[in-house]
């Protein structure tokens, strides 16, 4: 069963093969885990950085941004998926 099907089953009060789970975190939590400032879900902060000419701070490699958070915490993995090897 796909993740979309799991959600649709749950919303229609039918039992999916697994419980659909969604990762939710905000910028403050991401900054604590990453140990540095982040532009994740900080739209005004991001626009201001562009306006001030700090583009390089905003445009990060995916593994340094939210991906780094997910990798560091194990978030985003499905139950039973293998962890980092």
PDB file of N, CA and C in Angstrom:
ATOM      1  N   UNK A   1       0.848  -1.171   0.000  1.00  0.00           N
ATOM      2  CA  UNK A   1       0.000   0.000   0.000  1.00  0.00           C
ATOM      3  C   UNK A   1       0.901   1.245   0.000  1.00  0.00           C
ATOM      4  N   UNK A   2       0.591   2.200  -0.853  1.00  0.00           N
ATOM      5  CA  UNK A   2       1.390   3.425  -0.928  1.00  0.00           C
ATOM      6  C   UNK A   2       1.037   4.344   0.244  1.00  0.00           C
ATOM      7  N   UNK A   3       1.890   5.348   0.483  1.00  0.00           N
ATOM      8  CA  UNK A   3       1.613   6.299   1.568  1.00  0.00           C
ATOM      9  C   UNK A   3       0.307   7.044   1.316  1.00  0.00           C
ATOM     10  N   UNK A   4       0.070   7.387   0.057  1.00  0.00           N
ATOM     11  CA  UNK A   4      -1.174   8.085  -0.279  1.00  0.00           C
ATOM     12  C   UNK A   4      -2.378   7.201   0.039  1.00  0.00           C
ATOM     13  N   UNK A   5      -2.305   5.929  -0.325  1.00  0.00           N
ATOM     14  CA  UNK A   5      -3.402   5.001  -0.038  1.00  0.00           C
ATOM     15  C   UNK A   5      -3.608   4.846   1.468  1.00  0.00           C
ATOM     16  N   UNK A   6      -2.510   4.806   2.231  1.00  0.00           N
ATOM     17  CA  UNK A   6      -2.626   4.701   3.686  1.00  0.00           C
ATOM     18  C   UNK A   6      -3.401   5.882   4.260  1.00  0.00           C
ATOM     19  N   UNK A   7      -3.067   7.082   3.790  1.00  0.00           N
ATOM     20  CA  UNK A   7      -3.754   8.283   4.269  1.00  0.00           C
ATOM     21  C   UNK A   7      -5.220   8.254   3.861  1.00  0.00           C
ATOM     22  N   UNK A   8      -5.493   7.912   2.604  1.00  0.00           N
ATOM     23  CA  UNK A   8      -6.882   7.863   2.134  1.00  0.00           C
ATOM     24  C   UNK A   8      -7.693   6.828   2.909  1.00  0.00           C
ATOM     25  N   UNK A   9      -7.095   5.672   3.202  1.00  0.00           N
ATOM     26  CA  UNK A   9      -7.785   4.658   3.998  1.00  0.00           C
ATOM     27  C   UNK A   9      -8.097   5.207   5.386  1.00  0.00           C
ATOM     28  N   UNK A  10      -7.107   5.817   6.025  1.00  0.00           N
ATOM     29  CA  UNK A  10      -7.302   6.344   7.375  1.00  0.00           C
ATOM     30  C   UNK A  10      -8.376   7.430   7.392  1.00  0.00           C
ATOM     31  N   UNK A  11      -8.371   8.308   6.389  1.00  0.00           N
ATOM     32  CA  UNK A  11      -9.362   9.382   6.330  1.00  0.00           C
ATOM     33  C   UNK A  11     -10.772   8.863   6.075  1.00  0.00           C
ATOM     34  N   UNK A  12     -10.877   7.702   5.430  1.00  0.00           N
ATOM     35  CA  UNK A  12     -12.202   7.128   5.176  1.00  0.00           C
ATOM     36  C   UNK A  12     -12.589   6.101   6.251  1.00  0.00           C
ATOM     37  N   UNK A  13     -11.858   6.132   7.390  1.00  0.00           N
ATOM     38  CA  UNK A  13     -12.140   5.266   8.539  1.00  0.00           C
ATOM     39  C   UNK A  13     -12.012   3.781   8.208  1.00  0.00           C
ATOM     40  N   UNK A  14     -11.124   3.471   7.267  1.00  0.00           N
ATOM     41  CA  UNK A  14     -10.776   2.073   6.996  1.00  0.00           C
ATOM     42  C   UNK A  14      -9.376   1.833   7.537  1.00  0.00           C
ATOM     43  N   UNK A  15      -9.033   0.591   7.773  1.00  0.00           N
ATOM     44  CA  UNK A  15      -7.747   0.280   8.389  1.00  0.00           C
ATOM     45  C   UNK A  15      -6.661   0.094   7.326  1.00  0.00           C
ATOM     46  N   UNK A  16      -5.635   0.965   7.307  1.00  0.00           N
ATOM     47  CA  UNK A  16      -4.529   0.791   6.369  1.00  0.00           C
ATOM     48  C   UNK A  16      -3.587  -0.304   6.862  1.00  0.00           C
ATOM     49  N   UNK A  17      -2.639  -0.714   6.006  1.00  0.00           N
ATOM     50  CA  UNK A  17      -1.689  -1.741   6.417  1.00  0.00           C
ATOM     51  C   UNK A  17      -0.748  -1.243   7.514  1.00  0.00           C
ATOM     52  N   UNK A  18      -0.479   0.062   7.563  1.00  0.00           N
ATOM     53  CA  UNK A  18       0.268   0.693   8.645  1.00  0.00           C
ATOM     54  C   UNK A  18      -0.325   2.074   8.899  1.00  0.00           C
ATOM     55  N   UNK A  19      -0.046   2.597  10.061  1.00  0.00           N
ATOM     56  CA  UNK A  19      -0.555   3.920  10.408  1.00  0.00           C
ATOM     57  C   UNK A  19       0.281   4.976   9.689  1.00  0.00           C
ATOM     58  N   UNK A  20      -0.363   5.867   8.925  1.00  0.00           N
ATOM     59  CA  UNK A  20       0.400   6.920   8.256  1.00  0.00           C
ATOM     60  C   UNK A  20       0.931   7.921   9.282  1.00  0.00           C
ATOM     61  N   UNK A  21       2.210   8.256   9.164  1.00  0.00           N
ATOM     62  CA  UNK A  21       2.865   9.177  10.090  1.00  0.00           C
ATOM     63  C   UNK A  21       3.498  10.298   9.285  1.00  0.00           C
ATOM     64  N   UNK A  22       3.461  11.506   9.826  1.00  0.00           N
ATOM     65  CA  UNK A  22       4.036  12.650   9.134  1.00  0.00           C
ATOM     66  C   UNK A  22       5.013  13.347  10.077  1.00  0.00           C
ATOM     67  N   UNK A  23       6.174  13.747   9.541  1.00  0.00           N
ATOM     68  CA  UNK A  23       7.161  14.485  10.323  1.00  0.00           C
ATOM     69  C   UNK A  23       6.764  15.948  10.377  1.00  0.00           C
ATOM     70  N   UNK A  24       6.696  16.492  11.573  1.00  0.00           N
ATOM     71  CA  UNK A  24       6.407  17.911  11.729  1.00  0.00           C
ATOM     72  C   UNK A  24       7.436  18.489  12.693  1.00  0.00           C
ATOM     73  N   UNK A  25       8.137  19.504  12.232  1.00  0.00           N
ATOM     74  CA  UNK A  25       9.066  20.216  13.101  1.00  0.00           C
ATOM     75  C   UNK A  25       9.189  21.639  12.591  1.00  0.00           C
ATOM     76  N   UNK A  26       9.582  22.541  13.468  1.00  0.00           N
ATOM     77  CA  UNK A  26       9.700  23.937  13.062  1.00  0.00           C
ATOM     78  C   UNK A  26      11.166  24.373  13.035  1.00  0.00           C
ATOM     79  N   UNK A  27      11.368  25.618  12.678  1.00  0.00           N
ATOM     80  CA  UNK A  27      12.718  26.142  12.497  1.00  0.00           C
ATOM     81  C   UNK A  27      13.537  26.073  13.782  1.00  0.00           C
ATOM     82  N   UNK A  28      12.937  26.410  14.921  1.00  0.00           N
ATOM     83  CA  UNK A  28      13.681  26.409  16.177  1.00  0.00           C
ATOM     84  C   UNK A  28      14.223  25.018  16.505  1.00  0.00           C
ATOM     85  N   UNK A  29      13.420  24.000  16.294  1.00  0.00           N
ATOM     86  CA  UNK A  29      13.873  22.630  16.550  1.00  0.00           C
ATOM     87  C   UNK A  29      14.979  22.255  15.572  1.00  0.00           C
ATOM     88  N   UNK A  30      14.805  22.594  14.295  1.00  0.00           N
ATOM     89  CA  UNK A  30      15.837  22.293  13.298  1.00  0.00           C
ATOM     90  C   UNK A  30      17.150  22.967  13.670  1.00  0.00           C
ATOM     91  N   UNK A  31      17.091  24.219  14.124  1.00  0.00           N
ATOM     92  CA  UNK A  31      18.314  24.936  14.502  1.00  0.00           C
ATOM     93  C   UNK A  31      18.983  24.287  15.702  1.00  0.00           C
ATOM     94  N   UNK A  32      18.213  23.804  16.664  1.00  0.00           N
ATOM     95  CA  UNK A  32      18.795  23.130  17.827  1.00  0.00           C
ATOM     96  C   UNK A  32      19.487  21.836  17.418  1.00  0.00           C
ATOM     97  N   UNK A  33      18.851  21.059  16.557  1.00  0.00           N
ATOM     98  CA  UNK A  33      19.433  19.786  16.121  1.00  0.00           C
ATOM     99  C   UNK A  33      20.663  20.018  15.255  1.00  0.00           C
ATOM    100  N   UNK A  34      20.561  20.977  14.314  1.00  0.00           N
ATOM    101  CA  UNK A  34      21.673  21.246  13.403  1.00  0.00           C
ATOM    102  C   UNK A  34      22.803  22.018  14.074  1.00  0.00           C
ATOM    103  N   UNK A  35      22.489  22.759  15.125  1.00  0.00           N
ATOM    104  CA  UNK A  35      23.501  23.550  15.806  1.00  0.00           C
ATOM    105  C   UNK A  35      23.910  24.802  15.047  1.00  0.00           C
ATOM    106  N   UNK A  36      23.027  25.299  14.193  1.00  0.00           N
ATOM    107  CA  UNK A  36      23.321  26.504  13.411  1.00  0.00           C
ATOM    108  C   UNK A  36      22.004  27.108  12.947  1.00  0.00           C
ATOM    109  N   UNK A  37      22.039  28.387  12.524  1.00  0.00           N
ATOM    110  CA  UNK A  37      20.817  29.011  12.007  1.00  0.00           C
ATOM    111  C   UNK A  37      20.295  28.296  10.760  1.00  0.00           C
ATOM    112  N   UNK A  38      18.991  28.320  10.582  1.00  0.00           N
ATOM    113  CA  UNK A  38      18.369  27.668   9.436  1.00  0.00           C
ATOM    114  C   UNK A  38      17.273  28.566   8.872  1.00  0.00           C
ATOM    115  N   UNK A  39      17.030  28.440   7.570  1.00  0.00           N
ATOM    116  CA  UNK A  39      15.952  29.183   6.930  1.00  0.00           C
ATOM    117  C   UNK A  39      14.725  28.297   6.714  1.00  0.00           C
ATOM    118  N   UNK A  40      14.724  27.098   7.274  1.00  0.00           N
ATOM    119  CA  UNK A  40      13.612  26.178   7.127  1.00  0.00           C
ATOM    120  C   UNK A  40      12.357  26.804   7.720  1.00  0.00           C
ATOM    121  N   UNK A  41      11.310  26.948   6.931  1.00  0.00           N
ATOM    122  CA  UNK A  41      10.017  27.513   7.331  1.00  0.00           C
ATOM    123  C   UNK A  41      10.146  28.896   7.966  1.00  0.00           C
ATOM    124  N   UNK A  42      11.084  29.676   7.492  1.00  0.00           N
ATOM    125  CA  UNK A  42      11.273  31.045   7.992  1.00  0.00           C
ATOM    126  C   UNK A  42      11.223  31.973   6.791  1.00  0.00           C
ATOM    127  N   UNK A  43      10.044  32.110   6.198  1.00  0.00           N
ATOM    128  CA  UNK A  43       9.914  32.814   4.925  1.00  0.00           C
ATOM    129  C   UNK A  43      10.347  34.274   5.001  1.00  0.00           C
ATOM    130  N   UNK A  44       9.950  34.999   6.049  1.00  0.00           N
ATOM    131  CA  UNK A  44      10.360  36.401   6.161  1.00  0.00           C
ATOM    132  C   UNK A  44      11.872  36.497   6.327  1.00  0.00           C
ATOM    133  N   UNK A  45      12.425  35.623   7.145  1.00  0.00           N
ATOM    134  CA  UNK A  45      13.874  35.598   7.369  1.00  0.00           C
ATOM    135  C   UNK A  45      14.605  35.317   6.054  1.00  0.00           C
ATOM    136  N   UNK A  46      14.065  34.416   5.251  1.00  0.00           N
ATOM    137  CA  UNK A  46      14.656  34.080   3.958  1.00  0.00           C
ATOM    138  C   UNK A  46      14.589  35.268   2.996  1.00  0.00           C
ATOM    139  N   UNK A  47      13.446  35.914   2.905  1.00  0.00           N
ATOM    140  CA  UNK A  47      13.291  37.063   2.004  1.00  0.00           C
ATOM    141  C   UNK A  47      14.228  38.192   2.422  1.00  0.00           C
ATOM    142  N   UNK A  48      14.330  38.426   3.715  1.00  0.00           N
ATOM    143  CA  UNK A  48      15.219  39.482   4.213  1.00  0.00           C
ATOM    144  C   UNK A  48      16.674  39.176   3.866  1.00  0.00           C
ATOM    145  N   UNK A  49      17.086  37.918   3.985  1.00  0.00           N
ATOM    146  CA  UNK A  49      18.460  37.541   3.638  1.00  0.00           C
ATOM    147  C   UNK A  49      18.726  37.792   2.156  1.00  0.00           C
ATOM    148  N   UNK A  50      17.781  37.440   1.289  1.00  0.00           N
ATOM    149  CA  UNK A  50      17.934  37.735  -0.140  1.00  0.00           C
ATOM    150  C   UNK A  50      18.049  39.242  -0.360  1.00  0.00           C
ATOM    151  N   UNK A  51      17.184  40.008   0.294  1.00  0.00           N
ATOM    152  CA  UNK A  51      17.163  41.465   0.140  1.00  0.00           C
ATOM    153  C   UNK A  51      18.504  42.074   0.564  1.00  0.00           C
ATOM    154  N   UNK A  52      19.110  41.501   1.597  1.00  0.00           N
ATOM    155  CA  UNK A  52      20.385  42.010   2.106  1.00  0.00           C
ATOM    156  C   UNK A  52      21.585  41.431   1.365  1.00  0.00           C
ATOM    157  N   UNK A  53      21.345  40.638   0.319  1.00  0.00           N
ATOM    158  CA  UNK A  53      22.433  40.086  -0.485  1.00  0.00           C
ATOM    159  C   UNK A  53      23.122  38.881   0.122  1.00  0.00           C
ATOM    160  N   UNK A  54      22.443  38.171   1.012  1.00  0.00           N
ATOM    161  CA  UNK A  54      23.035  36.992   1.660  1.00  0.00           C
ATOM    162  C   UNK A  54      22.488  35.702   1.053  1.00  0.00           C
ATOM    163  N   UNK A  55      22.462  35.637  -0.272  1.00  0.00           N
ATOM    164  CA  UNK A  55      21.913  34.492  -0.999  1.00  0.00           C
ATOM    165  C   UNK A  55      22.592  33.184  -0.605  1.00  0.00           C
ATOM    166  N   UNK A  56      23.917  33.214  -0.467  1.00  0.00           N
ATOM    167  CA  UNK A  56      24.658  31.984  -0.177  1.00  0.00           C
ATOM    168  C   UNK A  56      24.263  31.358   1.160  1.00  0.00           C
ATOM    169  N   UNK A  57      23.780  32.165   2.087  1.00  0.00           N
ATOM    170  CA  UNK A  57      23.313  31.611   3.360  1.00  0.00           C
ATOM    171  C   UNK A  57      22.008  30.839   3.182  1.00  0.00           C
ATOM    172  N   UNK A  58      21.198  31.286   2.229  1.00  0.00           N
ATOM    173  CA  UNK A  58      19.880  30.676   2.025  1.00  0.00           C
ATOM    174  C   UNK A  58      19.981  29.416   1.178  1.00  0.00           C
ATOM    175  N   UNK A  59      20.764  29.489   0.108  1.00  0.00           N
ATOM    176  CA  UNK A  59      20.873  28.375  -0.830  1.00  0.00           C
ATOM    177  C   UNK A  59      21.919  27.406  -0.303  1.00  0.00           C
ATOM    178  N   UNK A  60      21.435  26.332   0.319  1.00  0.00           N
ATOM    179  CA  UNK A  60      22.312  25.341   0.923  1.00  0.00           C
ATOM    180  C   UNK A  60      22.242  24.036   0.149  1.00  0.00           C
ATOM    181  N   UNK A  61      23.227  23.197   0.363  1.00  0.00           N
ATOM    182  CA  UNK A  61      23.142  21.831  -0.152  1.00  0.00           C
ATOM    183  C   UNK A  61      22.026  21.126   0.625  1.00  0.00           C
ATOM    184  N   UNK A  62      21.251  20.269  -0.037  1.00  0.00           N
ATOM    185  CA  UNK A  62      20.149  19.598   0.664  1.00  0.00           C
ATOM    186  C   UNK A  62      20.598  18.846   1.915  1.00  0.00           C
ATOM    187  N   UNK A  63      21.770  18.240   1.886  1.00  0.00           N
ATOM    188  CA  UNK A  63      22.212  17.472   3.050  1.00  0.00           C
ATOM    189  C   UNK A  63      22.596  18.371   4.220  1.00  0.00           C
ATOM    190  N   UNK A  64      22.822  19.666   3.946  1.00  0.00           N
ATOM    191  CA  UNK A  64      23.165  20.594   5.023  1.00  0.00           C
ATOM    192  C   UNK A  64      21.923  21.226   5.632  1.00  0.00           C
ATOM    193  N   UNK A  65      20.805  21.197   4.934  1.00  0.00           N
ATOM    194  CA  UNK A  65      19.582  21.840   5.417  1.00  0.00           C
ATOM    195  C   UNK A  65      18.669  20.858   6.097  1.00  0.00           C
ATOM    196  N   UNK A  66      17.449  20.800   5.637  1.00  0.00           N
ATOM    197  CA  UNK A  66      16.441  19.924   6.216  1.00  0.00           C
ATOM    198  C   UNK A  66      16.877  18.464   6.115  1.00  0.00           C
ATOM    199  N   UNK A  67      17.551  18.115   5.021  1.00  0.00           N
ATOM    200  CA  UNK A  67      18.037  16.746   4.864  1.00  0.00           C
ATOM    201  C   UNK A  67      18.988  16.357   5.970  1.00  0.00           C
ATOM    202  N   UNK A  68      19.830  17.298   6.392  1.00  0.00           N
ATOM    203  CA  UNK A  68      20.744  17.040   7.501  1.00  0.00           C
ATOM    204  C   UNK A  68      19.985  16.786   8.787  1.00  0.00           C
ATOM    205  N   UNK A  69      18.899  17.517   8.983  1.00  0.00           N
ATOM    206  CA  UNK A  69      18.058  17.311  10.162  1.00  0.00           C
ATOM    207  C   UNK A  69      17.435  15.923  10.117  1.00  0.00           C
ATOM    208  N   UNK A  70      16.852  15.585   8.986  1.00  0.00           N
ATOM    209  CA  UNK A  70      16.202  14.275   8.863  1.00  0.00           C
ATOM    210  C   UNK A  70      17.204  13.140   9.036  1.00  0.00           C
ATOM    211  N   UNK A  71      18.383  13.309   8.445  1.00  0.00           N
ATOM    212  CA  UNK A  71      19.401  12.263   8.553  1.00  0.00           C
ATOM    213  C   UNK A  71      19.880  12.135   9.995  1.00  0.00           C
ATOM    214  N   UNK A  72      20.047  13.277  10.670  1.00  0.00           N
ATOM    215  CA  UNK A  72      20.542  13.263  12.042  1.00  0.00           C
ATOM    216  C   UNK A  72      19.559  12.697  13.046  1.00  0.00           C
ATOM    217  N   UNK A  73      18.276  12.814  12.775  1.00  0.00           N
ATOM    218  CA  UNK A  73      17.259  12.360  13.726  1.00  0.00           C
ATOM    219  C   UNK A  73      16.589  11.059  13.313  1.00  0.00           C
ATOM    220  N   UNK A  74      16.796  10.634  12.070  1.00  0.00           N
ATOM    221  CA  UNK A  74      16.105   9.444  11.582  1.00  0.00           C
ATOM    222  C   UNK A  74      14.689   9.736  11.143  1.00  0.00           C
ATOM    223  N   UNK A  75      14.303  11.013  11.138  1.00  0.00           N
ATOM    224  CA  UNK A  75      12.954  11.393  10.721  1.00  0.00           C
ATOM    225  C   UNK A  75      12.773  11.105   9.240  1.00  0.00           C
ATOM    226  N   UNK A  76      11.572  10.782   8.841  1.00  0.00           N
ATOM    227  CA  UNK A  76      11.266  10.558   7.436  1.00  0.00           C
ATOM    228  C   UNK A  76      11.392   9.111   7.004  1.00  0.00           C
ATOM    229  N   UNK A  77      11.871   8.251   7.892  1.00  0.00           N
ATOM    230  CA  UNK A  77      11.975   6.840   7.541  1.00  0.00           C
ATOM    231  C   UNK A  77      10.677   6.131   7.867  1.00  0.00           C
ATOM    232  N   UNK A  78      10.300   5.191   7.052  1.00  0.00           N
ATOM    233  CA  UNK A  78       9.110   4.391   7.334  1.00  0.00           C
ATOM    234  C   UNK A  78       9.468   3.343   8.367  1.00  0.00           C
ATOM    235  N   UNK A  79       8.489   2.966   9.168  1.00  0.00           N
ATOM    236  CA  UNK A  79       8.697   1.937  10.180  1.00  0.00           C
ATOM    237  C   UNK A  79       9.217   0.675   9.503  1.00  0.00           C
ATOM    238  N   UNK A  80      10.311   0.160  10.015  1.00  0.00           N
ATOM    239  CA  UNK A  80      10.879  -1.059   9.454  1.00  0.00           C
ATOM    240  C   UNK A  80      11.937  -0.813   8.403  1.00  0.00           C
ATOM    241  N   UNK A  81      12.083   0.447   7.928  1.00  0.00           N
ATOM    242  CA  UNK A  81      13.137   0.733   6.960  1.00  0.00           C
ATOM    243  C   UNK A  81      14.485   0.672   7.649  1.00  0.00           C
ATOM    244  N   UNK A  82      15.469   0.258   6.907  1.00  0.00           N
ATOM    245  CA  UNK A  82      16.822   0.196   7.451  1.00  0.00           C
ATOM    246  C   UNK A  82      17.348   1.603   7.674  1.00  0.00           C
ATOM    247  N   UNK A  83      18.125   1.781   8.707  1.00  0.00           N
ATOM    248  CA  UNK A  83      18.737   3.079   8.994  1.00  0.00           C
ATOM    249  C   UNK A  83      19.943   3.301   8.114  1.00  0.00           C
ATOM    250  N   UNK A  84      20.705   4.375   8.399  1.00  0.00           N
ATOM    251  CA  UNK A  84      21.902   4.654   7.603  1.00  0.00           C
ATOM    252  C   UNK A  84      22.893   3.515   7.715  1.00  0.00           C
ATOM    253  N   UNK A  85      23.519   3.196   6.621  1.00  0.00           N
ATOM    254  CA  UNK A  85      24.473   2.079   6.657  1.00  0.00           C
ATOM    255  C   UNK A  85      25.879   2.576   6.805  1.00  0.00           C
TER     256      UNK A  85
END
